Amino acid sequence: MNYKAIIFDLDGTIIDTETIWNQASRQLLEKRGIALDAKTDKELFDTIQGLALHKSCLLIKQTAQLPEPLDDLIKEESAIALDLYKQHVRFIPGFVQFHNKIAHLRLKSGIATNASAET
């Protein structure tokens, strides 16, 4: 096949966003003194993997029975994630090498994302 370009999804293809969002969710719960048992933690984070922020925060709210409005939880988790991004953002292993190969082949590339401008 003769490809002319590749479009990469930013989240999970270029950068490791899942680790950051999982940390943000855990910090959101920890700030409220909530520690999930290992089974519930695994089930929750397996379920929210790949979900949009609104849906993942709704599941966290329901699982932990949080009284705060959903919009407040979304704003708080987003702020936590933004801070984590500033400190810990990392490329997915192998991405830089792969991108260098396609650049060497003069293959055009672009990035697509549904992430907000802040995160």
N, C-alpha and C. Protein backbone atom coordinates (compact mmCIF):
# COMPACT_ATOMS: atom_id res chain seq x y z
N MET A 1 0.83 -1.19 0.00
CA MET A 1 0.00 0.00 0.00
C MET A 1 0.86 1.24 0.00
N ASN A 2 0.36 2.26 -0.60
CA ASN A 2 1.07 3.51 -0.70
C ASN A 2 0.36 4.55 0.18
N TYR A 3 0.90 4.78 1.35
CA TYR A 3 0.30 5.74 2.27
C TYR A 3 0.87 7.12 2.01
N LYS A 4 0.01 8.13 2.19
CA LYS A 4 0.45 9.50 2.01
C LYS A 4 0.60 10.23 3.34
N ALA A 5 -0.12 9.75 4.34
CA ALA A 5 -0.08 10.43 5.65
C ALA A 5 -0.59 9.49 6.73
N ILE A 6 -0.23 9.82 7.97
CA ILE A 6 -0.72 9.10 9.14
C ILE A 6 -1.27 10.13 10.11
N ILE A 7 -2.45 9.85 10.65
CA ILE A 7 -3.02 10.69 11.70
C ILE A 7 -2.97 9.89 12.99
N PHE A 8 -2.30 10.45 13.99
CA PHE A 8 -2.17 9.81 15.29
C PHE A 8 -3.19 10.37 16.27
N ASP A 9 -3.78 9.50 17.06
CA ASP A 9 -4.59 9.94 18.19
C ASP A 9 -3.63 10.26 19.32
N LEU A 10 -3.74 11.44 19.90
CA LEU A 10 -2.82 11.87 20.95
C LEU A 10 -2.88 10.96 22.17
N ASP A 11 -4.07 10.71 22.65
CA ASP A 11 -4.27 9.99 23.91
C ASP A 11 -4.05 8.49 23.76
N GLY A 12 -2.99 8.01 24.37
CA GLY A 12 -2.72 6.58 24.38
C GLY A 12 -1.94 6.08 23.18
N THR A 13 -1.74 6.93 22.18
CA THR A 13 -0.94 6.55 21.02
C THR A 13 0.38 7.30 21.01
N ILE A 14 0.30 8.59 21.34
CA ILE A 14 1.50 9.41 21.40
C ILE A 14 1.97 9.59 22.83
N ILE A 15 1.04 9.95 23.70
CA ILE A 15 1.42 10.14 25.11
C ILE A 15 0.60 9.22 26.00
N ASP A 16 1.19 8.89 27.13
CA ASP A 16 0.55 8.00 28.11
C ASP A 16 -0.41 8.81 28.96
N THR A 17 -1.63 8.95 28.48
CA THR A 17 -2.64 9.71 29.21
C THR A 17 -3.36 8.87 30.25
N GLU A 18 -3.44 7.59 30.02
CA GLU A 18 -4.19 6.72 30.94
C GLU A 18 -3.60 6.74 32.34
N THR A 19 -2.28 6.68 32.44
CA THR A 19 -1.63 6.72 33.75
C THR A 19 -1.95 8.02 34.47
N ILE A 20 -1.90 9.13 33.75
CA ILE A 20 -2.16 10.43 34.36
C ILE A 20 -3.60 10.52 34.84
N TRP A 21 -4.54 10.11 34.02
CA TRP A 21 -5.96 10.21 34.42
C TRP A 21 -6.28 9.25 35.56
N ASN A 22 -5.66 8.08 35.58
CA ASN A 22 -5.87 7.17 36.71
C ASN A 22 -5.32 7.78 38.00
N GLN A 23 -4.15 8.41 37.92
CA GLN A 23 -3.59 9.07 39.10
C GLN A 23 -4.50 10.21 39.56
N ALA A 24 -5.02 10.97 38.61
CA ALA A 24 -5.92 12.09 38.95
C ALA A 24 -7.18 11.57 39.64
N SER A 25 -7.72 10.47 39.14
CA SER A 25 -8.92 9.89 39.76
C SER A 25 -8.63 9.40 41.18
N ARG A 26 -7.50 8.76 41.34
CA ARG A 26 -7.13 8.28 42.68
C ARG A 26 -6.91 9.45 43.65
N GLN A 27 -6.28 10.51 43.16
CA GLN A 27 -6.07 11.69 44.02
C GLN A 27 -7.40 12.34 44.38
N LEU A 28 -8.33 12.35 43.45
CA LEU A 28 -9.66 12.89 43.72
C LEU A 28 -10.30 12.13 44.88
N LEU A 29 -10.18 10.82 44.86
CA LEU A 29 -10.74 9.99 45.93
C LEU A 29 -9.95 10.15 47.23
N GLU A 30 -8.62 10.16 47.13
CA GLU A 30 -7.77 10.29 48.32
C GLU A 30 -8.02 11.59 49.07
N LYS A 31 -8.29 12.67 48.32
CA LYS A 31 -8.58 13.95 48.95
C LYS A 31 -9.83 13.88 49.82
N ARG A 32 -10.65 12.89 49.58
CA ARG A 32 -11.88 12.70 50.35
C ARG A 32 -11.75 11.57 51.37
N GLY A 33 -10.52 11.07 51.51
CA GLY A 33 -10.27 10.00 52.46
C GLY A 33 -10.82 8.65 52.02
N ILE A 34 -10.98 8.49 50.72
CA ILE A 34 -11.55 7.24 50.19
C ILE A 34 -10.44 6.40 49.58
N ALA A 35 -10.30 5.20 50.12
CA ALA A 35 -9.37 4.21 49.57
C ALA A 35 -10.19 2.99 49.17
N LEU A 36 -10.14 2.66 47.91
CA LEU A 36 -10.90 1.52 47.42
C LEU A 36 -10.14 0.23 47.70
N ASP A 37 -10.88 -0.83 47.99
CA ASP A 37 -10.20 -2.12 48.13
C ASP A 37 -9.67 -2.52 46.75
N ALA A 38 -8.74 -3.45 46.73
CA ALA A 38 -8.04 -3.82 45.50
C ALA A 38 -9.01 -4.26 44.40
N LYS A 39 -10.01 -5.02 44.74
CA LYS A 39 -10.96 -5.53 43.75
C LYS A 39 -11.76 -4.38 43.13
N THR A 40 -12.30 -3.50 43.97
CA THR A 40 -13.10 -2.38 43.48
C THR A 40 -12.23 -1.42 42.67
N ASP A 41 -11.00 -1.19 43.12
CA ASP A 41 -10.07 -0.33 42.41
C ASP A 41 -9.83 -0.88 41.00
N LYS A 42 -9.52 -2.16 40.90
CA LYS A 42 -9.26 -2.77 39.59
C LYS A 42 -10.49 -2.70 38.70
N GLU A 43 -11.65 -3.04 39.25
CA GLU A 43 -12.88 -3.01 38.46
C GLU A 43 -13.19 -1.59 37.97
N LEU A 44 -13.04 -0.61 38.86
CA LEU A 44 -13.34 0.77 38.49
C LEU A 44 -12.40 1.24 37.38
N PHE A 45 -11.10 1.04 37.57
CA PHE A 45 -10.16 1.56 36.59
C PHE A 45 -10.14 0.76 35.29
N ASP A 46 -10.50 -0.51 35.33
CA ASP A 46 -10.69 -1.26 34.09
C ASP A 46 -11.89 -0.72 33.33
N THR A 47 -12.94 -0.32 34.07
CA THR A 47 -14.17 0.18 33.45
C THR A 47 -13.99 1.57 32.87
N ILE A 48 -13.29 2.45 33.58
CA ILE A 48 -13.18 3.83 33.09
C ILE A 48 -12.11 4.02 32.03
N GLN A 49 -11.27 3.01 31.81
CA GLN A 49 -10.22 3.14 30.80
C GLN A 49 -10.83 3.46 29.45
N GLY A 50 -10.38 4.57 28.87
CA GLY A 50 -10.84 4.97 27.55
C GLY A 50 -12.13 5.76 27.51
N LEU A 51 -12.79 5.92 28.66
CA LEU A 51 -14.04 6.68 28.69
C LEU A 51 -13.77 8.17 28.67
N ALA A 52 -14.73 8.92 28.20
CA ALA A 52 -14.66 10.38 28.26
C ALA A 52 -14.71 10.80 29.73
N LEU A 53 -14.17 11.97 30.01
CA LEU A 53 -14.07 12.48 31.38
C LEU A 53 -15.43 12.50 32.08
N HIS A 54 -16.46 12.95 31.41
CA HIS A 54 -17.79 13.03 32.02
C HIS A 54 -18.25 11.66 32.51
N LYS A 55 -18.10 10.64 31.65
CA LYS A 55 -18.54 9.30 32.02
C LYS A 55 -17.67 8.69 33.11
N SER A 56 -16.36 8.92 33.05
CA SER A 56 -15.49 8.34 34.08
C SER A 56 -15.76 8.98 35.43
N CYS A 57 -15.96 10.29 35.46
CA CYS A 57 -16.27 10.96 36.74
C CYS A 57 -17.63 10.52 37.29
N LEU A 58 -18.58 10.26 36.40
CA LEU A 58 -19.88 9.77 36.85
C LEU A 58 -19.73 8.40 37.52
N LEU A 59 -18.92 7.52 36.93
CA LEU A 59 -18.70 6.20 37.54
C LEU A 59 -17.97 6.32 38.88
N ILE A 60 -17.00 7.22 38.96
CA ILE A 60 -16.30 7.44 40.22
C ILE A 60 -17.27 7.97 41.27
N LYS A 61 -18.09 8.92 40.88
CA LYS A 61 -19.09 9.50 41.79
C LYS A 61 -20.02 8.41 42.31
N GLN A 62 -20.51 7.56 41.43
CA GLN A 62 -21.43 6.49 41.82
C GLN A 62 -20.74 5.44 42.67
N THR A 63 -19.55 5.02 42.27
CA THR A 63 -18.83 3.97 42.99
C THR A 63 -18.48 4.41 44.40
N ALA A 64 -18.01 5.63 44.55
CA ALA A 64 -17.58 6.14 45.85
C ALA A 64 -18.70 6.86 46.59
N GLN A 65 -19.86 6.95 45.97
CA GLN A 65 -21.03 7.63 46.55
C GLN A 65 -20.67 9.05 46.99
N LEU A 66 -20.08 9.79 46.07
CA LEU A 66 -19.65 11.16 46.35
C LEU A 66 -20.85 12.11 46.27
N PRO A 67 -20.98 13.02 47.22
CA PRO A 67 -22.13 13.92 47.23
C PRO A 67 -21.99 15.15 46.32
N GLU A 68 -20.77 15.46 45.91
CA GLU A 68 -20.54 16.66 45.12
C GLU A 68 -21.20 16.57 43.75
N PRO A 69 -21.58 17.73 43.20
CA PRO A 69 -22.13 17.74 41.84
C PRO A 69 -21.09 17.21 40.84
N LEU A 70 -21.56 16.53 39.83
CA LEU A 70 -20.67 15.94 38.82
C LEU A 70 -19.77 16.98 38.18
N ASP A 71 -20.31 18.14 37.87
CA ASP A 71 -19.50 19.19 37.23
C ASP A 71 -18.33 19.62 38.12
N ASP A 72 -18.55 19.65 39.43
CA ASP A 72 -17.46 20.01 40.35
C ASP A 72 -16.36 18.95 40.34
N LEU A 73 -16.77 17.68 40.29
CA LEU A 73 -15.79 16.60 40.25
C LEU A 73 -14.99 16.63 38.95
N ILE A 74 -15.67 16.92 37.86
CA ILE A 74 -14.99 17.01 36.56
C ILE A 74 -13.95 18.13 36.58
N LYS A 75 -14.33 19.29 37.09
CA LYS A 75 -13.40 20.43 37.17
C LYS A 75 -12.21 20.10 38.06
N GLU A 76 -12.49 19.46 39.20
CA GLU A 76 -11.40 19.13 40.13
C GLU A 76 -10.45 18.09 39.54
N GLU A 77 -11.01 17.05 38.94
CA GLU A 77 -10.15 16.03 38.35
C GLU A 77 -9.34 16.60 37.18
N SER A 78 -9.95 17.47 36.40
CA SER A 78 -9.23 18.11 35.30
C SER A 78 -8.06 18.94 35.81
N ALA A 79 -8.27 19.67 36.89
CA ALA A 79 -7.20 20.48 37.47
C ALA A 79 -6.07 19.59 37.98
N ILE A 80 -6.42 18.49 38.62
CA ILE A 80 -5.41 17.54 39.11
C ILE A 80 -4.62 16.97 37.92
N ALA A 81 -5.34 16.56 36.88
CA ALA A 81 -4.69 15.99 35.69
C ALA A 81 -3.77 17.00 35.02
N LEU A 82 -4.21 18.25 34.93
CA LEU A 82 -3.38 19.28 34.32
C LEU A 82 -2.06 19.43 35.08
N ASP A 83 -2.14 19.42 36.39
CA ASP A 83 -0.93 19.51 37.21
C ASP A 83 -0.04 18.29 36.97
N LEU A 84 -0.64 17.11 36.89
CA LEU A 84 0.13 15.89 36.63
C LEU A 84 0.78 15.92 35.25
N TYR A 85 0.05 16.43 34.25
CA TYR A 85 0.62 16.54 32.91
C TYR A 85 1.89 17.39 32.94
N LYS A 86 1.85 18.48 33.67
CA LYS A 86 3.01 19.37 33.74
C LYS A 86 4.22 18.67 34.33
N GLN A 87 4.00 17.70 35.19
CA GLN A 87 5.09 17.02 35.87
C GLN A 87 5.49 15.69 35.24
N HIS A 88 4.52 14.98 34.66
CA HIS A 88 4.77 13.57 34.34
C HIS A 88 4.42 13.12 32.92
N VAL A 89 4.14 14.02 32.00
CA VAL A 89 3.73 13.56 30.67
C VAL A 89 4.89 12.82 30.01
N ARG A 90 4.58 11.68 29.39
CA ARG A 90 5.58 10.82 28.76
C ARG A 90 5.04 10.29 27.43
N PHE A 91 5.96 10.13 26.48
CA PHE A 91 5.58 9.47 25.23
C PHE A 91 5.32 7.99 25.50
N ILE A 92 4.44 7.41 24.71
CA ILE A 92 4.25 5.96 24.72
C ILE A 92 5.57 5.34 24.25
N PRO A 93 6.04 4.29 24.91
CA PRO A 93 7.31 3.67 24.49
C PRO A 93 7.27 3.30 23.00
N GLY A 94 8.31 3.70 22.30
CA GLY A 94 8.44 3.39 20.88
C GLY A 94 7.89 4.44 19.94
N PHE A 95 7.10 5.39 20.46
CA PHE A 95 6.49 6.36 19.56
C PHE A 95 7.54 7.25 18.88
N VAL A 96 8.47 7.77 19.63
CA VAL A 96 9.47 8.69 19.05
C VAL A 96 10.24 8.00 17.94
N GLN A 97 10.66 6.77 18.16
CA GLN A 97 11.41 6.04 17.15
C GLN A 97 10.54 5.80 15.90
N PHE A 98 9.28 5.44 16.12
CA PHE A 98 8.38 5.22 14.99
C PHE A 98 8.17 6.51 14.22
N HIS A 99 7.94 7.60 14.93
CA HIS A 99 7.72 8.88 14.26
C HIS A 99 8.96 9.31 13.47
N ASN A 100 10.13 9.06 14.03
CA ASN A 100 11.36 9.37 13.30
C ASN A 100 11.45 8.58 12.01
N LYS A 101 11.02 7.32 12.02
CA LYS A 101 11.05 6.49 10.81
C LYS A 101 10.12 7.04 9.75
N ILE A 102 8.91 7.42 10.14
CA ILE A 102 7.98 7.94 9.12
C ILE A 102 8.43 9.31 8.61
N ALA A 103 9.06 10.09 9.49
CA ALA A 103 9.59 11.39 9.04
C ALA A 103 10.72 11.17 8.02
N HIS A 104 11.55 10.16 8.27
CA HIS A 104 12.63 9.82 7.35
C HIS A 104 12.07 9.39 5.98
N LEU A 105 10.91 8.77 6.00
CA LEU A 105 10.25 8.34 4.76
C LEU A 105 9.47 9.49 4.10
N ARG A 106 9.51 10.65 4.73
CA ARG A 106 8.79 11.84 4.26
C ARG A 106 7.29 11.63 4.22
N LEU A 107 6.80 10.80 5.11
CA LEU A 107 5.37 10.57 5.24
C LEU A 107 4.79 11.66 6.13
N LYS A 108 3.78 12.35 5.66
CA LYS A 108 3.17 13.41 6.45
C LYS A 108 2.46 12.80 7.65
N SER A 109 2.42 13.57 8.74
CA SER A 109 1.71 13.09 9.93
C SER A 109 0.97 14.24 10.59
N GLY A 110 -0.07 13.86 11.32
CA GLY A 110 -0.86 14.83 12.06
C GLY A 110 -1.35 14.22 13.35
N ILE A 111 -1.90 15.06 14.20
CA ILE A 111 -2.41 14.62 15.50
C ILE A 111 -3.89 14.97 15.60
N ALA A 112 -4.66 14.01 16.07
CA ALA A 112 -6.08 14.23 16.36
C ALA A 112 -6.31 13.93 17.84
N THR A 113 -7.21 14.67 18.45
CA THR A 113 -7.52 14.43 19.85
C THR A 113 -8.87 15.03 20.20
N ASN A 114 -9.49 14.48 21.24
CA ASN A 114 -10.67 15.12 21.79
C ASN A 114 -10.33 15.76 23.12
N ALA A 115 -9.04 15.82 23.45
CA ALA A 115 -8.60 16.44 24.70
C ALA A 115 -8.83 17.95 24.63
N SER A 116 -9.02 18.55 25.80
CA SER A 116 -9.17 19.99 25.85
C SER A 116 -7.83 20.66 25.62
N ALA A 117 -7.84 21.93 25.33
CA ALA A 117 -6.60 22.67 25.09
C ALA A 117 -5.72 22.68 26.33
N GLU A 118 -6.32 22.65 27.52
CA GLU A 118 -5.57 22.68 28.76
C GLU A 118 -4.83 21.37 29.01
N THR A 119 -5.47 20.25 28.72
CA THR A 119 -4.87 18.95 28.97
C THR A 119 -4.40 18.35 27.67
